Amino acid sequence: MIDRTDLQWSTVEYYLGEALGASYRLSRDGESPLVTYEVDGSSREIALLVELDRYKSAPQSKLPAIAIDRVDHHGKHMARIRTTESSLTRDFHDLALAVAGRIVNEGRSLHAAFRETVRAWSALLDQKRVEGVGRRIGLHGELAMLSTLAARYGWATALESWTGPSAEEHDFAFPTFDIEVKTTASERRRHSINGLDQLVESGGRPLWFVSVRVTRGGAGGRTLSESIDAVRNAAMAERKELAARVRKLVSESRLDLDVRDDERWTLRDEPLVLLASSLPRLAVDSPAGSMSERILSVRYDIDVTGMGPAQNPPFDISILSLP
């Protein structure tokens, strides 16, 4: 039987957070096929490797979240299975062990084990699940920005400015400026823009765009629940009734906060602050009040990797951290 004692997610996440490599043999000594679980600290990725017969091809994956290729590893021809979605690494960890279990414990072939497991794991491949993970990471980024603003303006003012949970155009609204926060777990600063107005200034106020990148934090990282508790406690320390305000705003975030919460995150690097007016954005070349009103939904992705930071934002981004 596979001994998962050393393969708890907390153990794997520690290696990822510390950028360390590790290799676990899941198959029994002397038995074929060789099955190993690999942690690549340099790329912060995990993979399941399964030995292939000399002339046997690796299974094909038509799923965007899963990639399979044939590699030479441990002196053997092996199929390497990994996820292409870094935000789904936690889910893939469980899927990889499920595939390995079918091979080692039930004697299934790799092709059968992969096919059966994928069929049973539709949640990993469901776009709603991908979007749900993205929203949780996004809330983490907003809480970090909220704490940064509270350090300068106080919790009462910071909470009053936080409009993200109520699905307003921008995440934070002040009398003289607005802020839009986007958080990603990918290597590049790629962010999804929802609607034609998300990068458009309101009321003549400048709109500051904050790009936050997070990575697996290991033992030093923060779960979303821990960040929510930290924000609530800090707000309550300023004024007791502000804790209720935090609870109300978080409850409006349209997230299921009762799902498993054992993913720990930390900042990958210092956030990037840009003026929205300097970003690529979509606009409708149509007179107001005519055809533009017939466009009901727009979503597009932008990549701001390598752009130079804006000068003199009205907040100190260098102090931003996950609360």
C-alpha atoms as a PDB file:
ATOM      1  CA  MET A   1       0.000   0.000   0.000  1.00  0.00           C
ATOM      2  CA  ILE A   2       1.084   3.582  -0.609  1.00  0.00           C
ATOM      3  CA  ASP A   3       2.297   5.117   2.633  1.00  0.00           C
ATOM      4  CA  ARG A   4       1.085   8.715   2.492  1.00  0.00           C
ATOM      5  CA  THR A   5       2.489   9.658   5.899  1.00  0.00           C
ATOM      6  CA  ASP A   6       5.351  11.585   4.340  1.00  0.00           C
ATOM      7  CA  LEU A   7       3.175  12.932   1.575  1.00  0.00           C
ATOM      8  CA  GLN A   8       0.833  15.117   3.545  1.00  0.00           C
ATOM      9  CA  TRP A   9       0.146  18.329   1.685  1.00  0.00           C
ATOM     10  CA  SER A  10       1.788  20.313   4.487  1.00  0.00           C
ATOM     11  CA  THR A  11       5.043  18.422   3.836  1.00  0.00           C
ATOM     12  CA  VAL A  12       4.926  19.003   0.095  1.00  0.00           C
ATOM     13  CA  GLU A  13       3.996  22.652   0.560  1.00  0.00           C
ATOM     14  CA  TYR A  14       6.975  23.113   2.889  1.00  0.00           C
ATOM     15  CA  TYR A  15       9.323  21.948   0.130  1.00  0.00           C
ATOM     16  CA  LEU A  16       7.609  24.194  -2.398  1.00  0.00           C
ATOM     17  CA  GLY A  17       7.729  27.183  -0.078  1.00  0.00           C
ATOM     18  CA  GLU A  18      11.426  26.664   0.631  1.00  0.00           C
ATOM     19  CA  ALA A  19      12.215  25.976  -3.071  1.00  0.00           C
ATOM     20  CA  LEU A  20      13.563  22.521  -2.163  1.00  0.00           C
ATOM     21  CA  GLY A  21      13.421  19.355  -4.241  1.00  0.00           C
ATOM     22  CA  ALA A  22      12.238  15.949  -3.065  1.00  0.00           C
ATOM     23  CA  SER A  23      11.503  12.533  -4.535  1.00  0.00           C
ATOM     24  CA  TYR A  24       9.174   9.908  -3.052  1.00  0.00           C
ATOM     25  CA  ARG A  25       8.969   6.341  -4.299  1.00  0.00           C
ATOM     26  CA  LEU A  26       5.346   5.211  -4.152  1.00  0.00           C
ATOM     27  CA  SER A  27       5.703   1.742  -5.667  1.00  0.00           C
ATOM     28  CA  ARG A  28       7.130  -1.180  -3.719  1.00  0.00           C
ATOM     29  CA  ASP A  29      10.828  -2.006  -4.011  1.00  0.00           C
ATOM     30  CA  GLY A  30      11.483  -4.364  -6.904  1.00  0.00           C
ATOM     31  CA  GLU A  31       7.981  -4.055  -8.336  1.00  0.00           C
ATOM     32  CA  SER A  32       7.037  -2.563 -11.697  1.00  0.00           C
ATOM     33  CA  PRO A  33       6.079  -0.083 -12.795  1.00  0.00           C
ATOM     34  CA  LEU A  34       8.202   2.387 -10.832  1.00  0.00           C
ATOM     35  CA  VAL A  35       5.980   5.193  -9.540  1.00  0.00           C
ATOM     36  CA  THR A  36       7.490   8.322  -7.991  1.00  0.00           C
ATOM     37  CA  TYR A  37       6.224  11.655  -6.743  1.00  0.00           C
ATOM     38  CA  GLU A  38       8.604  14.508  -7.539  1.00  0.00           C
ATOM     39  CA  VAL A  39       8.846  17.981  -6.039  1.00  0.00           C
ATOM     40  CA  ASP A  40      10.788  20.467  -8.176  1.00  0.00           C
ATOM     41  CA  GLY A  41      11.852  23.269  -5.862  1.00  0.00           C
ATOM     42  CA  SER A  42      13.310  25.478  -8.583  1.00  0.00           C
ATOM     43  CA  SER A  43      10.051  25.699 -10.540  1.00  0.00           C
ATOM     44  CA  ARG A  44       7.812  25.090  -7.504  1.00  0.00           C
ATOM     45  CA  GLU A  45       6.018  22.299  -9.335  1.00  0.00           C
ATOM     46  CA  ILE A  46       5.061  18.749  -8.484  1.00  0.00           C
ATOM     47  CA  ALA A  47       4.705  15.792 -10.828  1.00  0.00           C
ATOM     48  CA  LEU A  48       3.788  12.117 -10.824  1.00  0.00           C
ATOM     49  CA  LEU A  49       6.180   9.904 -12.798  1.00  0.00           C
ATOM     50  CA  VAL A  50       5.219   6.393 -13.887  1.00  0.00           C
ATOM     51  CA  GLU A  51       7.514   3.912 -15.628  1.00  0.00           C
ATOM     52  CA  LEU A  52       6.570   3.009 -19.204  1.00  0.00           C
ATOM     53  CA  ASP A  53       7.301  -0.125 -21.166  1.00  0.00           C
ATOM     54  CA  ARG A  54       9.983   0.515 -23.748  1.00  0.00           C
ATOM     55  CA  TYR A  55       7.538   0.857 -26.628  1.00  0.00           C
ATOM     56  CA  LYS A  56       4.551   2.129 -24.649  1.00  0.00           C
ATOM     57  CA  SER A  57       3.411   5.717 -25.166  1.00  0.00           C
ATOM     58  CA  ALA A  58       2.266   8.020 -22.395  1.00  0.00           C
ATOM     59  CA  PRO A  59      -1.460   8.713 -22.080  1.00  0.00           C
ATOM     60  CA  GLN A  60      -2.750  11.739 -23.924  1.00  0.00           C
ATOM     61  CA  SER A  61      -4.421  14.542 -22.012  1.00  0.00           C
ATOM     62  CA  LYS A  62      -6.956  16.762 -23.732  1.00  0.00           C
ATOM     63  CA  LEU A  63      -7.484  18.681 -20.525  1.00  0.00           C
ATOM     64  CA  PRO A  64      -6.015  22.196 -20.231  1.00  0.00           C
ATOM     65  CA  ALA A  65      -5.185  21.714 -16.533  1.00  0.00           C
ATOM     66  CA  ILE A  66      -3.182  18.503 -17.051  1.00  0.00           C
ATOM     67  CA  ALA A  67      -0.064  17.907 -19.169  1.00  0.00           C
ATOM     68  CA  ILE A  68       1.562  14.522 -19.800  1.00  0.00           C
ATOM     69  CA  ASP A  69       4.881  13.932 -21.549  1.00  0.00           C
ATOM     70  CA  ARG A  70       7.473  11.156 -21.857  1.00  0.00           C
ATOM     71  CA  VAL A  71      10.788  11.741 -20.061  1.00  0.00           C
ATOM     72  CA  ASP A  72      13.907   9.824 -19.089  1.00  0.00           C
ATOM     73  CA  HIS A  73      14.173   9.738 -15.321  1.00  0.00           C
ATOM     74  CA  HIS A  74      15.873   7.404 -12.836  1.00  0.00           C
ATOM     75  CA  GLY A  75      17.390   5.711 -15.884  1.00  0.00           C
ATOM     76  CA  LYS A  76      13.943   4.692 -17.137  1.00  0.00           C
ATOM     77  CA  HIS A  77      11.388   5.818 -19.698  1.00  0.00           C
ATOM     78  CA  MET A  78       8.617   7.434 -17.690  1.00  0.00           C
ATOM     79  CA  ALA A  79       5.391   9.341 -18.178  1.00  0.00           C
ATOM     80  CA  ARG A  80       5.386  12.663 -16.326  1.00  0.00           C
ATOM     81  CA  ILE A  81       1.997  14.014 -15.261  1.00  0.00           C
ATOM     82  CA  ARG A  82       1.728  17.587 -13.987  1.00  0.00           C
ATOM     83  CA  THR A  83      -0.698  20.479 -13.825  1.00  0.00           C
ATOM     84  CA  THR A  84      -0.389  23.566 -16.017  1.00  0.00           C
ATOM     85  CA  GLU A  85      -2.387  25.636 -13.536  1.00  0.00           C
ATOM     86  CA  SER A  86      -0.185  26.651 -10.616  1.00  0.00           C
ATOM     87  CA  SER A  87      -3.236  27.713  -8.606  1.00  0.00           C
ATOM     88  CA  LEU A  88      -4.473  24.095  -8.749  1.00  0.00           C
ATOM     89  CA  THR A  89      -1.304  22.514  -7.346  1.00  0.00           C
ATOM     90  CA  ARG A  90      -3.109  21.564  -4.121  1.00  0.00           C
ATOM     91  CA  ASP A  91      -5.844  19.765  -6.052  1.00  0.00           C
ATOM     92  CA  PHE A  92      -3.339  18.104  -8.347  1.00  0.00           C
ATOM     93  CA  HIS A  93      -1.469  16.730  -5.327  1.00  0.00           C
ATOM     94  CA  ASP A  94      -4.561  14.725  -4.384  1.00  0.00           C
ATOM     95  CA  LEU A  95      -5.209  13.675  -7.974  1.00  0.00           C
ATOM     96  CA  ALA A  96      -1.624  12.443  -8.399  1.00  0.00           C
ATOM     97  CA  LEU A  97      -1.909  10.283  -5.295  1.00  0.00           C
ATOM     98  CA  ALA A  98      -5.245   8.937  -6.524  1.00  0.00           C
ATOM     99  CA  VAL A  99      -3.701   7.903  -9.856  1.00  0.00           C
ATOM    100  CA  ALA A 100      -0.729   6.342  -8.064  1.00  0.00           C
ATOM    101  CA  GLY A 101      -3.032   4.465  -5.700  1.00  0.00           C
ATOM    102  CA  ARG A 102      -4.916   2.863  -8.569  1.00  0.00           C
ATOM    103  CA  ILE A 103      -1.622   1.719 -10.101  1.00  0.00           C
ATOM    104  CA  VAL A 104       0.154   0.500  -6.963  1.00  0.00           C
ATOM    105  CA  ASN A 105      -2.749  -0.789  -4.879  1.00  0.00           C
ATOM    106  CA  GLU A 106      -5.186  -1.964  -7.553  1.00  0.00           C
ATOM    107  CA  GLY A 107      -2.795  -3.045 -10.308  1.00  0.00           C
ATOM    108  CA  ARG A 108      -4.354  -0.759 -12.889  1.00  0.00           C
ATOM    109  CA  SER A 109      -2.383   0.314 -15.927  1.00  0.00           C
ATOM    110  CA  LEU A 110      -1.320   3.961 -16.128  1.00  0.00           C
ATOM    111  CA  HIS A 111      -3.787   4.609 -18.955  1.00  0.00           C
ATOM    112  CA  ALA A 112      -6.683   3.082 -17.017  1.00  0.00           C
ATOM    113  CA  ALA A 113      -5.702   4.715 -13.712  1.00  0.00           C
ATOM    114  CA  PHE A 114      -5.460   8.148 -15.297  1.00  0.00           C
ATOM    115  CA  ARG A 115      -8.735   7.782 -17.207  1.00  0.00           C
ATOM    116  CA  GLU A 116     -10.650   6.540 -14.158  1.00  0.00           C
ATOM    117  CA  THR A 117      -9.233   9.170 -11.837  1.00  0.00           C
ATOM    118  CA  VAL A 118      -9.945  12.036 -14.203  1.00  0.00           C
ATOM    119  CA  ARG A 119     -13.518  10.849 -14.551  1.00  0.00           C
ATOM    120  CA  ALA A 120     -13.861  10.918 -10.761  1.00  0.00           C
ATOM    121  CA  TRP A 121     -12.147  14.274 -10.399  1.00  0.00           C
ATOM    122  CA  SER A 122     -14.300  16.536 -12.503  1.00  0.00           C
ATOM    123  CA  ALA A 123     -14.042  19.203  -9.797  1.00  0.00           C
ATOM    124  CA  LEU A 124     -10.363  19.758 -10.633  1.00  0.00           C
ATOM    125  CA  LEU A 125     -11.188  20.274 -14.295  1.00  0.00           C
ATOM    126  CA  ASP A 126     -14.359  22.270 -13.786  1.00  0.00           C
ATOM    127  CA  GLN A 127     -13.920  25.898 -14.841  1.00  0.00           C
ATOM    128  CA  LYS A 128     -15.996  26.945 -11.841  1.00  0.00           C
ATOM    129  CA  ARG A 129     -13.389  25.355  -9.556  1.00  0.00           C
ATOM    130  CA  VAL A 130     -10.576  27.189 -11.368  1.00  0.00           C
ATOM    131  CA  GLU A 131     -12.450  30.459 -11.044  1.00  0.00           C
ATOM    132  CA  GLY A 132     -13.189  29.753  -7.364  1.00  0.00           C
ATOM    133  CA  VAL A 133      -9.493  29.308  -6.587  1.00  0.00           C
ATOM    134  CA  GLY A 134      -8.764  32.539  -8.446  1.00  0.00           C
ATOM    135  CA  ARG A 135     -11.350  34.428  -6.407  1.00  0.00           C
ATOM    136  CA  ARG A 136      -9.863  33.127  -3.136  1.00  0.00           C
ATOM    137  CA  ILE A 137      -6.409  34.298  -4.190  1.00  0.00           C
ATOM    138  CA  GLY A 138      -7.963  37.595  -5.238  1.00  0.00           C
ATOM    139  CA  LEU A 139      -9.535  38.079  -1.813  1.00  0.00           C
ATOM    140  CA  HIS A 140      -6.154  37.376  -0.233  1.00  0.00           C
ATOM    141  CA  GLY A 141      -4.681  40.230  -2.284  1.00  0.00           C
ATOM    142  CA  GLU A 142      -7.497  42.600  -1.361  1.00  0.00           C
ATOM    143  CA  LEU A 143      -7.024  41.836   2.343  1.00  0.00           C
ATOM    144  CA  ALA A 144      -3.317  42.606   1.996  1.00  0.00           C
ATOM    145  CA  MET A 145      -4.148  45.936   0.342  1.00  0.00           C
ATOM    146  CA  LEU A 146      -6.765  46.649   3.008  1.00  0.00           C
ATOM    147  CA  SER A 147      -4.171  46.166   5.754  1.00  0.00           C
ATOM    148  CA  THR A 148      -1.726  48.425   3.912  1.00  0.00           C
ATOM    149  CA  LEU A 149      -4.316  51.194   3.651  1.00  0.00           C
ATOM    150  CA  ALA A 150      -5.302  50.744   7.302  1.00  0.00           C
ATOM    151  CA  ALA A 151      -1.690  51.341   8.320  1.00  0.00           C
ATOM    152  CA  ARG A 152      -1.900  54.798   6.763  1.00  0.00           C
ATOM    153  CA  TYR A 153      -5.530  55.863   7.075  1.00  0.00           C
ATOM    154  CA  GLY A 154      -6.828  53.759   9.967  1.00  0.00           C
ATOM    155  CA  TRP A 155      -9.158  50.752   9.856  1.00  0.00           C
ATOM    156  CA  ALA A 156     -12.392  52.728   9.828  1.00  0.00           C
ATOM    157  CA  THR A 157     -11.383  54.659   6.693  1.00  0.00           C
ATOM    158  CA  ALA A 158      -9.823  51.627   5.010  1.00  0.00           C
ATOM    159  CA  LEU A 159     -12.953  49.520   5.517  1.00  0.00           C
ATOM    160  CA  GLU A 160     -15.162  52.349   4.290  1.00  0.00           C
ATOM    161  CA  SER A 161     -13.103  52.491   1.095  1.00  0.00           C
ATOM    162  CA  TRP A 162     -13.242  48.724   0.432  1.00  0.00           C
ATOM    163  CA  THR A 163     -15.893  48.249  -2.234  1.00  0.00           C
ATOM    164  CA  GLY A 164     -14.552  45.074  -3.869  1.00  0.00           C
ATOM    165  CA  PRO A 165     -16.865  42.647  -2.016  1.00  0.00           C
ATOM    166  CA  SER A 166     -19.931  44.550  -3.211  1.00  0.00           C
ATOM    167  CA  ALA A 167     -18.834  44.133  -6.863  1.00  0.00           C
ATOM    168  CA  GLU A 168     -18.263  47.812  -7.532  1.00  0.00           C
ATOM    169  CA  GLU A 169     -16.159  48.855 -10.541  1.00  0.00           C
ATOM    170  CA  HIS A 170     -12.987  49.173  -8.440  1.00  0.00           C
ATOM    171  CA  ASP A 171     -11.800  47.469  -5.253  1.00  0.00           C
ATOM    172  CA  PHE A 172     -11.113  50.616  -3.204  1.00  0.00           C
ATOM    173  CA  ALA A 173     -12.622  54.068  -3.568  1.00  0.00           C
ATOM    174  CA  PHE A 174     -11.234  57.181  -1.856  1.00  0.00           C
ATOM    175  CA  PRO A 175     -12.326  60.793  -2.400  1.00  0.00           C
ATOM    176  CA  THR A 176      -9.201  61.542  -4.474  1.00  0.00           C
ATOM    177  CA  PHE A 177      -8.231  58.180  -6.013  1.00  0.00           C
ATOM    178  CA  ASP A 178      -9.354  54.585  -6.623  1.00  0.00           C
ATOM    179  CA  ILE A 179      -7.443  51.298  -6.464  1.00  0.00           C
ATOM    180  CA  GLU A 180      -7.878  48.069  -8.429  1.00  0.00           C
ATOM    181  CA  VAL A 181      -6.013  45.043  -7.009  1.00  0.00           C
ATOM    182  CA  LYS A 182      -5.237  41.965  -9.092  1.00  0.00           C
ATOM    183  CA  THR A 183      -3.533  38.893  -7.617  1.00  0.00           C
ATOM    184  CA  THR A 184      -2.028  35.944  -9.474  1.00  0.00           C
ATOM    185  CA  ALA A 185      -0.130  32.764  -8.626  1.00  0.00           C
ATOM    186  CA  SER A 186       1.452  32.545 -12.088  1.00  0.00           C
ATOM    187  CA  GLU A 187       5.075  33.316 -12.987  1.00  0.00           C
ATOM    188  CA  ARG A 188       4.066  36.288 -15.124  1.00  0.00           C
ATOM    189  CA  ARG A 189       1.912  39.220 -14.101  1.00  0.00           C
ATOM    190  CA  ARG A 190      -1.106  38.130 -16.107  1.00  0.00           C
ATOM    191  CA  HIS A 191      -4.455  39.387 -14.876  1.00  0.00           C
ATOM    192  CA  SER A 192      -8.057  39.058 -15.965  1.00  0.00           C
ATOM    193  CA  ILE A 193     -10.016  42.262 -16.525  1.00  0.00           C
ATOM    194  CA  ASN A 194     -13.759  42.023 -16.055  1.00  0.00           C
ATOM    195  CA  GLY A 195     -15.771  44.546 -18.031  1.00  0.00           C
ATOM    196  CA  LEU A 196     -14.960  47.601 -20.081  1.00  0.00           C
ATOM    197  CA  ASP A 197     -15.003  49.884 -17.033  1.00  0.00           C
ATOM    198  CA  GLN A 198     -12.665  48.054 -14.649  1.00  0.00           C
ATOM    199  CA  LEU A 199      -9.622  49.988 -15.887  1.00  0.00           C
ATOM    200  CA  VAL A 200     -11.479  53.270 -16.468  1.00  0.00           C
ATOM    201  CA  GLU A 201     -11.185  56.165 -14.021  1.00  0.00           C
ATOM    202  CA  SER A 202     -14.319  57.216 -12.102  1.00  0.00           C
ATOM    203  CA  GLY A 203     -15.299  60.791 -11.414  1.00  0.00           C
ATOM    204  CA  GLY A 204     -12.014  62.155 -12.722  1.00  0.00           C
ATOM    205  CA  ARG A 205     -10.048  60.409  -9.947  1.00  0.00           C
ATOM    206  CA  PRO A 206      -6.798  58.614 -10.856  1.00  0.00           C
ATOM    207  CA  LEU A 207      -7.070  54.823 -10.805  1.00  0.00           C
ATOM    208  CA  TRP A 208      -4.095  52.944  -9.376  1.00  0.00           C
ATOM    209  CA  PHE A 209      -3.610  49.343 -10.524  1.00  0.00           C
ATOM    210  CA  VAL A 210      -1.810  47.033  -8.066  1.00  0.00           C
ATOM    211  CA  SER A 211      -0.407  43.749  -9.414  1.00  0.00           C
ATOM    212  CA  VAL A 212       0.260  41.205  -6.643  1.00  0.00           C
ATOM    213  CA  ARG A 213       2.028  37.877  -7.187  1.00  0.00           C
ATOM    214  CA  VAL A 214       1.800  35.123  -4.586  1.00  0.00           C
ATOM    215  CA  THR A 215       3.503  31.758  -4.306  1.00  0.00           C
ATOM    216  CA  ARG A 216       3.282  28.705  -2.074  1.00  0.00           C
ATOM    217  CA  GLY A 217       4.363  29.835   1.369  1.00  0.00           C
ATOM    218  CA  GLY A 218       5.109  26.594   3.204  1.00  0.00           C
ATOM    219  CA  ALA A 219       5.238  26.900   6.971  1.00  0.00           C
ATOM    220  CA  GLY A 220       5.758  30.660   6.720  1.00  0.00           C
ATOM    221  CA  GLY A 221       2.740  31.274   4.504  1.00  0.00           C
ATOM    222  CA  ARG A 222      -0.783  32.356   5.348  1.00  0.00           C
ATOM    223  CA  THR A 223      -4.081  30.622   4.628  1.00  0.00           C
ATOM    224  CA  LEU A 224      -7.048  32.743   3.627  1.00  0.00           C
ATOM    225  CA  SER A 225      -8.760  31.977   6.937  1.00  0.00           C
ATOM    226  CA  GLU A 226      -5.711  33.149   8.857  1.00  0.00           C
ATOM    227  CA  SER A 227      -5.618  36.401   6.892  1.00  0.00           C
ATOM    228  CA  ILE A 228      -9.313  37.013   7.520  1.00  0.00           C
ATOM    229  CA  ASP A 229      -8.835  36.406  11.255  1.00  0.00           C
ATOM    230  CA  ALA A 230      -5.799  38.714  11.338  1.00  0.00           C
ATOM    231  CA  VAL A 231      -7.707  41.523   9.616  1.00  0.00           C
ATOM    232  CA  ARG A 232     -10.698  41.113  11.916  1.00  0.00           C
ATOM    233  CA  ASN A 233      -8.517  41.169  15.038  1.00  0.00           C
ATOM    234  CA  ALA A 234      -6.541  44.194  13.877  1.00  0.00           C
ATOM    235  CA  ALA A 235      -9.721  46.128  13.057  1.00  0.00           C
ATOM    236  CA  MET A 236     -11.254  45.168  16.414  1.00  0.00           C
ATOM    237  CA  ALA A 237      -8.165  46.486  18.186  1.00  0.00           C
ATOM    238  CA  GLU A 238      -8.926  49.938  16.755  1.00  0.00           C
ATOM    239  CA  ARG A 239     -12.648  49.783  17.482  1.00  0.00           C
ATOM    240  CA  LYS A 240     -14.664  46.770  18.558  1.00  0.00           C
ATOM    241  CA  GLU A 241     -17.541  47.265  16.127  1.00  0.00           C
ATOM    242  CA  LEU A 242     -15.171  47.268  13.135  1.00  0.00           C
ATOM    243  CA  ALA A 243     -14.793  43.484  13.492  1.00  0.00           C
ATOM    244  CA  ALA A 244     -18.466  43.145  12.527  1.00  0.00           C
ATOM    245  CA  ARG A 245     -17.805  45.335   9.506  1.00  0.00           C
ATOM    246  CA  VAL A 246     -15.004  42.981   8.418  1.00  0.00           C
ATOM    247  CA  ARG A 247     -17.267  39.945   8.800  1.00  0.00           C
ATOM    248  CA  LYS A 248     -19.994  41.595   6.740  1.00  0.00           C
ATOM    249  CA  LEU A 249     -17.658  42.579   3.913  1.00  0.00           C
ATOM    250  CA  VAL A 250     -16.011  39.154   3.763  1.00  0.00           C
ATOM    251  CA  SER A 251     -19.436  37.482   3.686  1.00  0.00           C
ATOM    252  CA  GLU A 252     -20.275  39.575   0.603  1.00  0.00           C
ATOM    253  CA  SER A 253     -17.258  38.241  -1.292  1.00  0.00           C
ATOM    254  CA  ARG A 254     -19.349  35.495  -2.968  1.00  0.00           C
ATOM    255  CA  LEU A 255     -16.944  32.786  -1.787  1.00  0.00           C
ATOM    256  CA  ASP A 256     -17.623  29.489  -0.073  1.00  0.00           C
ATOM    257  CA  LEU A 257     -15.389  29.995   2.943  1.00  0.00           C
ATOM    258  CA  ASP A 258     -16.270  26.577   4.355  1.00  0.00           C
ATOM    259  CA  VAL A 259     -14.269  24.648   1.739  1.00  0.00           C
ATOM    260  CA  ARG A 260     -10.861  23.126   2.550  1.00  0.00           C
ATOM    261  CA  ASP A 261      -8.435  25.876   3.545  1.00  0.00           C
ATOM    262  CA  ASP A 262      -4.937  24.424   3.900  1.00  0.00           C
ATOM    263  CA  GLU A 263      -3.182  26.307   1.101  1.00  0.00           C
ATOM    264  CA  ARG A 264      -0.562  28.698   2.421  1.00  0.00           C
ATOM    265  CA  TRP A 265       0.561  31.667   0.365  1.00  0.00           C
ATOM    266  CA  THR A 266       3.216  34.345   0.610  1.00  0.00           C
ATOM    267  CA  LEU A 267       4.245  37.240  -1.607  1.00  0.00           C
ATOM    268  CA  ARG A 268       6.498  36.233  -4.479  1.00  0.00           C
ATOM    269  CA  ASP A 269       7.949  39.750  -4.751  1.00  0.00           C
ATOM    270  CA  GLU A 270       7.043  43.376  -4.155  1.00  0.00           C
ATOM    271  CA  PRO A 271       3.742  44.324  -5.790  1.00  0.00           C
ATOM    272  CA  LEU A 272       3.783  46.455  -8.913  1.00  0.00           C
ATOM    273  CA  VAL A 273       1.828  49.723  -8.879  1.00  0.00           C
ATOM    274  CA  LEU A 274       0.748  51.247 -12.193  1.00  0.00           C
ATOM    275  CA  LEU A 275      -1.625  53.943 -13.316  1.00  0.00           C
ATOM    276  CA  ALA A 276      -4.544  52.354 -15.113  1.00  0.00           C
ATOM    277  CA  SER A 277      -4.221  54.967 -17.841  1.00  0.00           C
ATOM    278  CA  SER A 278      -0.853  53.398 -18.784  1.00  0.00           C
ATOM    279  CA  LEU A 279      -2.295  49.896 -19.228  1.00  0.00           C
ATOM    280  CA  PRO A 280      -3.581  48.182 -22.351  1.00  0.00           C
ATOM    281  CA  ARG A 281      -7.365  48.214 -22.164  1.00  0.00           C
ATOM    282  CA  LEU A 282     -10.348  47.638 -24.378  1.00  0.00           C
ATOM    283  CA  ALA A 283     -12.631  50.436 -25.432  1.00  0.00           C
ATOM    284  CA  VAL A 284     -15.768  50.441 -27.545  1.00  0.00           C
ATOM    285  CA  ASP A 285     -15.575  52.691 -30.572  1.00  0.00           C
ATOM    286  CA  SER A 286     -19.247  53.563 -30.441  1.00  0.00           C
ATOM    287  CA  PRO A 287     -21.187  56.629 -29.266  1.00  0.00           C
ATOM    288  CA  ALA A 288     -22.384  56.425 -25.689  1.00  0.00           C
ATOM    289  CA  GLY A 289     -25.987  55.394 -25.403  1.00  0.00           C
ATOM    290  CA  SER A 290     -25.998  53.449 -28.647  1.00  0.00           C
ATOM    291  CA  MET A 291     -24.400  50.096 -29.516  1.00  0.00           C
ATOM    292  CA  SER A 292     -22.044  50.094 -26.519  1.00  0.00           C
ATOM    293  CA  GLU A 293     -25.005  49.489 -24.208  1.00  0.00           C
ATOM    294  CA  ARG A 294     -25.744  46.248 -26.038  1.00  0.00           C
ATOM    295  CA  ILE A 295     -22.429  44.677 -24.955  1.00  0.00           C
ATOM    296  CA  LEU A 296     -23.478  42.759 -21.859  1.00  0.00           C
ATOM    297  CA  SER A 297     -20.240  41.084 -20.771  1.00  0.00           C
ATOM    298  CA  VAL A 298     -16.528  41.473 -21.528  1.00  0.00           C
ATOM    299  CA  ARG A 299     -13.541  39.656 -20.056  1.00  0.00           C
ATOM    300  CA  TYR A 300      -9.949  39.872 -21.275  1.00  0.00           C
ATOM    301  CA  ASP A 301      -6.454  39.162 -19.964  1.00  0.00           C
ATOM    302  CA  ILE A 302      -3.498  41.530 -19.823  1.00  0.00           C
ATOM    303  CA  ASP A 303       0.199  40.936 -19.090  1.00  0.00           C
ATOM    304  CA  VAL A 304       1.999  43.752 -17.251  1.00  0.00           C
ATOM    305  CA  THR A 305       5.236  41.823 -16.670  1.00  0.00           C
ATOM    306  CA  GLY A 306       8.242  44.116 -17.023  1.00  0.00           C
ATOM    307  CA  MET A 307       6.346  47.399 -16.924  1.00  0.00           C
ATOM    308  CA  GLY A 308       7.996  50.122 -14.857  1.00  0.00           C
ATOM    309  CA  PRO A 309       6.232  51.145 -11.630  1.00  0.00           C
ATOM    310  CA  ALA A 310       4.324  54.407 -11.437  1.00  0.00           C
ATOM    311  CA  GLN A 311       5.780  57.196  -9.373  1.00  0.00           C
ATOM    312  CA  ASN A 312       4.359  58.613  -6.127  1.00  0.00           C
ATOM    313  CA  PRO A 313       1.284  56.483  -5.427  1.00  0.00           C
ATOM    314  CA  PRO A 314      -0.764  57.730  -2.446  1.00  0.00           C
ATOM    315  CA  PHE A 315       0.136  54.624  -0.386  1.00  0.00           C
ATOM    316  CA  ASP A 316       3.365  52.840   0.537  1.00  0.00           C
ATOM    317  CA  ILE A 317       3.269  49.566  -1.384  1.00  0.00           C
ATOM    318  CA  SER A 318       6.568  48.410   0.130  1.00  0.00           C
ATOM    319  CA  ILE A 319       4.801  47.537   3.414  1.00  0.00           C
ATOM    320  CA  LEU A 320       2.189  45.341   1.741  1.00  0.00           C
ATOM    321  CA  SER A 321       2.150  41.768   3.076  1.00  0.00           C
ATOM    322  CA  LEU A 322      -0.415  39.044   3.563  1.00  0.00           C
ATOM    323  CA  PRO A 323      -2.043  39.799   6.934  1.00  0.00           C
END
